[in-house]
Amino acid sequence: MPVQQQQAEEGEEEDEENKKEDEKKDMHKYLPVIHHVTDLVGDDKVAAIRSIVMKDRLKNDMKDRPSFYIFRTILDTAKDMEMIALAAMSNMSGLVFVDPYTLGLLVKCMSGLDCSVVE
């Protein structure tokens, strides 16, 4: 193989490797973020949720990125949690409460991995 052709092919391979490295560096911009922000305490848990999510939405590094939150409560009944979730969702557009398994599947899908459900 002529030297010039070999050098050109090596240059193309190097360019391709550099492109892949650049894509890896930028990948974090598109990956979802899971936050275990805080325990929800106090009387107005809906206001606490709204405050946390709105502060996050205003951050430059979170703009146009999907976000996932894990909130923990202690000593709240399942019915109380349902009422808090419904009130928070009606108070904020784009907010959805899901079970842990659905959360994992959403994170997987938003990460670009195969998120097909096996039945």
N, C-alpha and C. Protein backbone atom coordinates (compact mmCIF):
# COMPACT_ATOMS: atom_id res chain seq x y z
N MET A 1 0.86 -1.17 0.00
CA MET A 1 0.00 0.00 0.00
C MET A 1 0.91 1.23 0.00
N PRO A 2 0.61 2.19 -0.86
CA PRO A 2 1.42 3.40 -0.88
C PRO A 2 1.35 4.14 0.46
N VAL A 3 2.43 4.83 0.81
CA VAL A 3 2.54 5.51 2.09
C VAL A 3 1.46 6.58 2.25
N GLN A 4 1.19 7.36 1.20
CA GLN A 4 0.18 8.42 1.30
C GLN A 4 -1.21 7.85 1.58
N GLN A 5 -1.55 6.75 0.92
CA GLN A 5 -2.86 6.13 1.13
C GLN A 5 -2.96 5.60 2.56
N GLN A 6 -1.89 4.98 3.05
CA GLN A 6 -1.87 4.45 4.41
C GLN A 6 -2.02 5.59 5.41
N GLN A 7 -1.30 6.72 5.19
CA GLN A 7 -1.40 7.86 6.10
C GLN A 7 -2.81 8.45 6.07
N ALA A 8 -3.43 8.50 4.90
CA ALA A 8 -4.80 9.03 4.78
C ALA A 8 -5.77 8.14 5.55
N GLU A 9 -5.63 6.83 5.43
CA GLU A 9 -6.51 5.90 6.15
C GLU A 9 -6.31 6.01 7.65
N GLU A 10 -5.06 6.16 8.08
CA GLU A 10 -4.79 6.32 9.51
C GLU A 10 -5.39 7.62 10.02
N GLY A 11 -5.32 8.67 9.21
CA GLY A 11 -5.91 9.96 9.58
C GLY A 11 -7.42 9.87 9.71
N GLU A 12 -8.07 9.11 8.79
CA GLU A 12 -9.52 8.93 8.86
C GLU A 12 -9.90 8.15 10.11
N GLU A 13 -9.12 7.12 10.44
CA GLU A 13 -9.40 6.34 11.65
C GLU A 13 -9.26 7.20 12.90
N GLU A 14 -8.23 8.05 12.90
CA GLU A 14 -8.01 8.94 14.04
C GLU A 14 -9.15 9.95 14.16
N ASP A 15 -9.61 10.49 13.04
CA ASP A 15 -10.74 11.43 13.05
C ASP A 15 -12.00 10.75 13.60
N GLU A 16 -12.21 9.50 13.19
CA GLU A 16 -13.38 8.76 13.67
C GLU A 16 -13.30 8.53 15.18
N GLU A 17 -12.11 8.19 15.66
CA GLU A 17 -11.93 7.99 17.11
C GLU A 17 -12.15 9.28 17.87
N ASN A 18 -11.64 10.39 17.34
CA ASN A 18 -11.85 11.70 17.99
C ASN A 18 -13.33 12.06 18.02
N LYS A 19 -14.03 11.76 16.96
CA LYS A 19 -15.47 12.06 16.89
C LYS A 19 -16.22 11.26 17.95
N LYS A 20 -15.86 9.99 18.11
CA LYS A 20 -16.49 9.16 19.12
C LYS A 20 -16.20 9.68 20.53
N GLU A 21 -14.98 10.12 20.77
CA GLU A 21 -14.63 10.68 22.07
C GLU A 21 -15.43 11.95 22.35
N ASP A 22 -15.57 12.80 21.33
CA ASP A 22 -16.36 14.04 21.50
C ASP A 22 -17.82 13.72 21.81
N GLU A 23 -18.37 12.70 21.14
CA GLU A 23 -19.75 12.30 21.40
C GLU A 23 -19.91 11.81 22.84
N LYS A 24 -18.93 11.07 23.34
CA LYS A 24 -18.98 10.59 24.73
C LYS A 24 -18.97 11.76 25.70
N LYS A 25 -18.13 12.77 25.42
CA LYS A 25 -18.05 13.93 26.30
C LYS A 25 -19.37 14.68 26.35
N ASP A 26 -20.09 14.75 25.22
CA ASP A 26 -21.35 15.48 25.15
C ASP A 26 -22.54 14.65 25.62
N MET A 27 -22.36 13.35 25.79
CA MET A 27 -23.47 12.48 26.13
C MET A 27 -24.16 12.88 27.42
N HIS A 28 -23.41 13.37 28.41
CA HIS A 28 -23.99 13.73 29.70
C HIS A 28 -25.06 14.80 29.55
N LYS A 29 -25.02 15.57 28.48
CA LYS A 29 -26.02 16.63 28.28
C LYS A 29 -27.41 16.05 28.05
N TYR A 30 -27.48 14.81 27.60
CA TYR A 30 -28.76 14.22 27.22
C TYR A 30 -29.24 13.14 28.19
N LEU A 31 -28.42 12.77 29.13
CA LEU A 31 -28.81 11.72 30.05
C LEU A 31 -29.74 12.26 31.13
N PRO A 32 -30.67 11.46 31.55
CA PRO A 32 -31.57 11.91 32.61
C PRO A 32 -30.84 11.95 33.95
N VAL A 33 -31.39 12.71 34.84
CA VAL A 33 -30.81 12.86 36.16
C VAL A 33 -31.84 12.43 37.18
N ILE A 34 -31.46 11.60 38.13
CA ILE A 34 -32.36 11.21 39.21
C ILE A 34 -31.90 11.92 40.46
N HIS A 35 -32.81 12.61 41.08
CA HIS A 35 -32.50 13.35 42.31
C HIS A 35 -33.22 12.71 43.49
N HIS A 36 -32.50 12.36 44.54
CA HIS A 36 -33.16 12.13 45.82
C HIS A 36 -32.91 13.40 46.57
N VAL A 37 -33.85 14.30 46.45
CA VAL A 37 -33.65 15.67 46.88
C VAL A 37 -33.73 15.78 48.39
N THR A 38 -34.81 15.32 48.95
CA THR A 38 -35.02 15.55 50.37
C THR A 38 -36.14 14.68 50.88
N ASP A 39 -36.24 14.63 52.17
CA ASP A 39 -37.42 14.05 52.79
C ASP A 39 -38.49 15.14 52.80
N LEU A 40 -39.70 14.77 52.53
CA LEU A 40 -40.80 15.74 52.58
C LEU A 40 -41.34 15.77 54.00
N VAL A 41 -41.11 16.86 54.66
CA VAL A 41 -41.60 17.02 56.03
C VAL A 41 -42.41 18.31 56.10
N GLY A 42 -43.17 18.44 57.14
CA GLY A 42 -43.96 19.65 57.32
C GLY A 42 -45.36 19.48 56.78
N ASP A 43 -46.12 20.56 56.88
CA ASP A 43 -47.52 20.50 56.52
C ASP A 43 -47.77 20.65 55.02
N ASP A 44 -47.02 21.52 54.34
CA ASP A 44 -47.31 21.79 52.93
C ASP A 44 -46.31 21.09 52.02
N LYS A 45 -46.51 19.80 51.84
CA LYS A 45 -45.60 18.99 51.02
C LYS A 45 -45.72 19.34 49.55
N VAL A 46 -46.89 19.77 49.10
CA VAL A 46 -47.07 20.16 47.70
C VAL A 46 -46.21 21.39 47.40
N ALA A 47 -46.19 22.36 48.30
CA ALA A 47 -45.37 23.55 48.11
C ALA A 47 -43.89 23.17 48.11
N ALA A 48 -43.50 22.22 48.94
CA ALA A 48 -42.10 21.77 48.98
C ALA A 48 -41.71 21.13 47.66
N ILE A 49 -42.58 20.29 47.12
CA ILE A 49 -42.31 19.64 45.83
C ILE A 49 -42.19 20.70 44.74
N ARG A 50 -43.13 21.62 44.71
CA ARG A 50 -43.12 22.68 43.70
C ARG A 50 -41.83 23.50 43.78
N SER A 51 -41.42 23.86 44.96
CA SER A 51 -40.21 24.66 45.14
C SER A 51 -38.98 23.92 44.61
N ILE A 52 -38.86 22.66 44.94
CA ILE A 52 -37.71 21.87 44.52
C ILE A 52 -37.67 21.72 43.00
N VAL A 53 -38.79 21.38 42.41
CA VAL A 53 -38.83 21.16 40.96
C VAL A 53 -38.61 22.47 40.20
N MET A 54 -39.23 23.55 40.64
CA MET A 54 -39.09 24.83 39.95
C MET A 54 -37.65 25.35 40.04
N LYS A 55 -37.01 25.20 41.17
CA LYS A 55 -35.60 25.62 41.29
C LYS A 55 -34.74 24.83 40.30
N ASP A 56 -35.03 23.54 40.17
CA ASP A 56 -34.27 22.70 39.26
C ASP A 56 -34.51 23.11 37.81
N ARG A 57 -35.73 23.42 37.46
CA ARG A 57 -36.05 23.80 36.09
C ARG A 57 -35.35 25.09 35.67
N LEU A 58 -35.01 25.94 36.62
CA LEU A 58 -34.37 27.21 36.31
C LEU A 58 -32.85 27.10 36.13
N LYS A 59 -32.28 25.98 36.50
CA LYS A 59 -30.83 25.80 36.38
C LYS A 59 -30.46 25.63 34.91
N ASN A 60 -29.40 26.31 34.49
CA ASN A 60 -28.97 26.25 33.09
C ASN A 60 -28.63 24.84 32.64
N ASP A 61 -27.98 24.07 33.50
CA ASP A 61 -27.57 22.73 33.10
C ASP A 61 -28.73 21.73 33.06
N MET A 62 -29.90 22.15 33.51
CA MET A 62 -31.07 21.26 33.49
C MET A 62 -32.09 21.65 32.43
N LYS A 63 -31.83 22.72 31.71
CA LYS A 63 -32.78 23.20 30.71
C LYS A 63 -32.99 22.15 29.62
N ASP A 64 -34.23 21.85 29.32
CA ASP A 64 -34.63 20.91 28.28
C ASP A 64 -34.12 19.49 28.51
N ARG A 65 -33.85 19.15 29.75
CA ARG A 65 -33.45 17.78 30.08
C ARG A 65 -34.51 17.14 30.94
N PRO A 66 -34.75 15.87 30.74
CA PRO A 66 -35.70 15.20 31.62
C PRO A 66 -35.13 15.08 33.02
N SER A 67 -35.97 15.21 34.01
CA SER A 67 -35.54 15.10 35.40
C SER A 67 -36.43 14.12 36.13
N PHE A 68 -35.85 13.39 37.03
CA PHE A 68 -36.58 12.42 37.83
C PHE A 68 -36.25 12.68 39.29
N TYR A 69 -37.24 12.62 40.14
CA TYR A 69 -37.06 12.93 41.55
C TYR A 69 -37.56 11.77 42.39
N ILE A 70 -36.88 11.55 43.49
CA ILE A 70 -37.34 10.58 44.48
C ILE A 70 -37.56 11.36 45.77
N PHE A 71 -38.80 11.39 46.20
CA PHE A 71 -39.15 12.05 47.45
C PHE A 71 -39.50 10.99 48.48
N ARG A 72 -39.07 11.20 49.68
CA ARG A 72 -39.34 10.25 50.75
C ARG A 72 -40.18 10.94 51.81
N THR A 73 -41.15 10.22 52.28
CA THR A 73 -41.95 10.72 53.40
C THR A 73 -41.93 9.69 54.50
N ILE A 74 -42.13 10.17 55.68
CA ILE A 74 -42.18 9.29 56.83
C ILE A 74 -43.50 9.55 57.56
N LEU A 75 -44.15 8.49 57.96
CA LEU A 75 -45.39 8.56 58.73
C LEU A 75 -46.57 9.13 57.95
N ASP A 76 -46.53 9.08 56.62
CA ASP A 76 -47.69 9.44 55.81
C ASP A 76 -48.34 8.16 55.31
N THR A 77 -49.65 8.14 55.31
CA THR A 77 -50.35 6.96 54.82
C THR A 77 -50.32 6.95 53.30
N ALA A 78 -50.62 5.81 52.73
CA ALA A 78 -50.69 5.71 51.27
C ALA A 78 -51.73 6.67 50.72
N LYS A 79 -52.84 6.82 51.40
CA LYS A 79 -53.89 7.74 50.95
C LYS A 79 -53.39 9.19 51.01
N ASP A 80 -52.66 9.54 52.06
CA ASP A 80 -52.07 10.89 52.14
C ASP A 80 -51.12 11.14 50.97
N MET A 81 -50.30 10.14 50.67
CA MET A 81 -49.35 10.28 49.57
C MET A 81 -50.07 10.42 48.23
N GLU A 82 -51.14 9.69 48.06
CA GLU A 82 -51.93 9.81 46.83
C GLU A 82 -52.47 11.24 46.70
N MET A 83 -52.99 11.78 47.78
CA MET A 83 -53.55 13.13 47.75
C MET A 83 -52.45 14.17 47.47
N ILE A 84 -51.28 14.00 48.06
CA ILE A 84 -50.16 14.90 47.82
C ILE A 84 -49.74 14.84 46.35
N ALA A 85 -49.63 13.62 45.82
CA ALA A 85 -49.22 13.45 44.42
C ALA A 85 -50.24 14.08 43.48
N LEU A 86 -51.52 13.82 43.70
CA LEU A 86 -52.55 14.39 42.83
C LEU A 86 -52.57 15.91 42.90
N ALA A 87 -52.41 16.46 44.09
CA ALA A 87 -52.39 17.92 44.25
C ALA A 87 -51.15 18.52 43.57
N ALA A 88 -50.01 17.89 43.70
CA ALA A 88 -48.78 18.40 43.08
C ALA A 88 -48.89 18.34 41.55
N MET A 89 -49.43 17.24 41.02
CA MET A 89 -49.56 17.11 39.57
C MET A 89 -50.55 18.13 39.01
N SER A 90 -51.60 18.44 39.74
CA SER A 90 -52.56 19.43 39.25
C SER A 90 -51.99 20.84 39.37
N ASN A 91 -51.00 21.01 40.23
CA ASN A 91 -50.39 22.31 40.47
C ASN A 91 -49.24 22.62 39.50
N MET A 92 -48.66 21.59 38.89
CA MET A 92 -47.48 21.78 38.03
C MET A 92 -47.61 20.98 36.74
N SER A 93 -47.45 21.65 35.61
CA SER A 93 -47.51 20.95 34.33
C SER A 93 -46.26 20.08 34.16
N GLY A 94 -46.44 18.94 33.56
CA GLY A 94 -45.32 18.06 33.28
C GLY A 94 -44.86 17.20 34.44
N LEU A 95 -45.49 17.33 35.59
CA LEU A 95 -45.10 16.54 36.75
C LEU A 95 -45.97 15.30 36.82
N VAL A 96 -45.33 14.14 36.93
CA VAL A 96 -46.05 12.88 36.99
C VAL A 96 -45.42 12.02 38.09
N PHE A 97 -46.25 11.46 38.93
CA PHE A 97 -45.78 10.53 39.95
C PHE A 97 -45.97 9.12 39.43
N VAL A 98 -44.95 8.28 39.59
CA VAL A 98 -45.01 6.90 39.12
C VAL A 98 -44.43 5.98 40.19
N ASP A 99 -44.66 4.70 40.01
CA ASP A 99 -44.10 3.71 40.93
C ASP A 99 -42.61 3.50 40.60
N PRO A 100 -41.86 2.88 41.51
CA PRO A 100 -40.40 2.71 41.30
C PRO A 100 -40.04 1.93 40.04
N TYR A 101 -40.84 0.94 39.66
CA TYR A 101 -40.53 0.15 38.46
C TYR A 101 -40.69 0.99 37.20
N THR A 102 -41.76 1.79 37.15
CA THR A 102 -41.96 2.68 36.01
C THR A 102 -40.86 3.73 35.97
N LEU A 103 -40.45 4.22 37.11
CA LEU A 103 -39.36 5.19 37.18
C LEU A 103 -38.10 4.61 36.54
N GLY A 104 -37.76 3.40 36.91
CA GLY A 104 -36.58 2.75 36.33
C GLY A 104 -36.68 2.60 34.83
N LEU A 105 -37.86 2.22 34.34
CA LEU A 105 -38.06 2.06 32.91
C LEU A 105 -37.96 3.41 32.19
N LEU A 106 -38.52 4.46 32.77
CA LEU A 106 -38.42 5.79 32.16
C LEU A 106 -36.97 6.26 32.08
N VAL A 107 -36.22 6.05 33.14
CA VAL A 107 -34.82 6.45 33.13
C VAL A 107 -34.07 5.67 32.05
N LYS A 108 -34.35 4.40 31.95
CA LYS A 108 -33.70 3.56 30.95
C LYS A 108 -34.05 4.06 29.54
N CYS A 109 -35.32 4.36 29.29
CA CYS A 109 -35.74 4.85 27.97
C CYS A 109 -35.10 6.19 27.64
N MET A 110 -35.07 7.08 28.61
CA MET A 110 -34.52 8.41 28.37
C MET A 110 -33.01 8.37 28.21
N SER A 111 -32.39 7.29 28.63
CA SER A 111 -30.94 7.13 28.47
C SER A 111 -30.59 6.57 27.12
N GLY A 112 -31.61 6.25 26.32
CA GLY A 112 -31.35 5.71 24.99
C GLY A 112 -31.13 4.22 24.96
N LEU A 113 -31.40 3.55 26.08
CA LEU A 113 -31.26 2.10 26.13
C LEU A 113 -32.55 1.44 25.66
N ASP A 114 -32.47 0.15 25.38
CA ASP A 114 -33.67 -0.59 24.98
C ASP A 114 -34.64 -0.60 26.13
N CYS A 115 -35.80 -0.02 25.93
CA CYS A 115 -36.77 0.07 27.01
C CYS A 115 -38.03 -0.72 26.69
N SER A 116 -37.90 -1.70 25.83
CA SER A 116 -39.07 -2.52 25.55
C SER A 116 -39.42 -3.35 26.77
N VAL A 117 -40.70 -3.53 26.95
CA VAL A 117 -41.19 -4.28 28.11
C VAL A 117 -41.35 -5.73 27.71
N VAL A 118 -40.77 -6.62 28.49
CA VAL A 118 -40.88 -8.05 28.23
C VAL A 118 -42.11 -8.56 28.94
N GLU A 119 -42.95 -9.21 28.19
CA GLU A 119 -44.19 -9.75 28.80
C GLU A 119 -44.11 -11.23 28.99
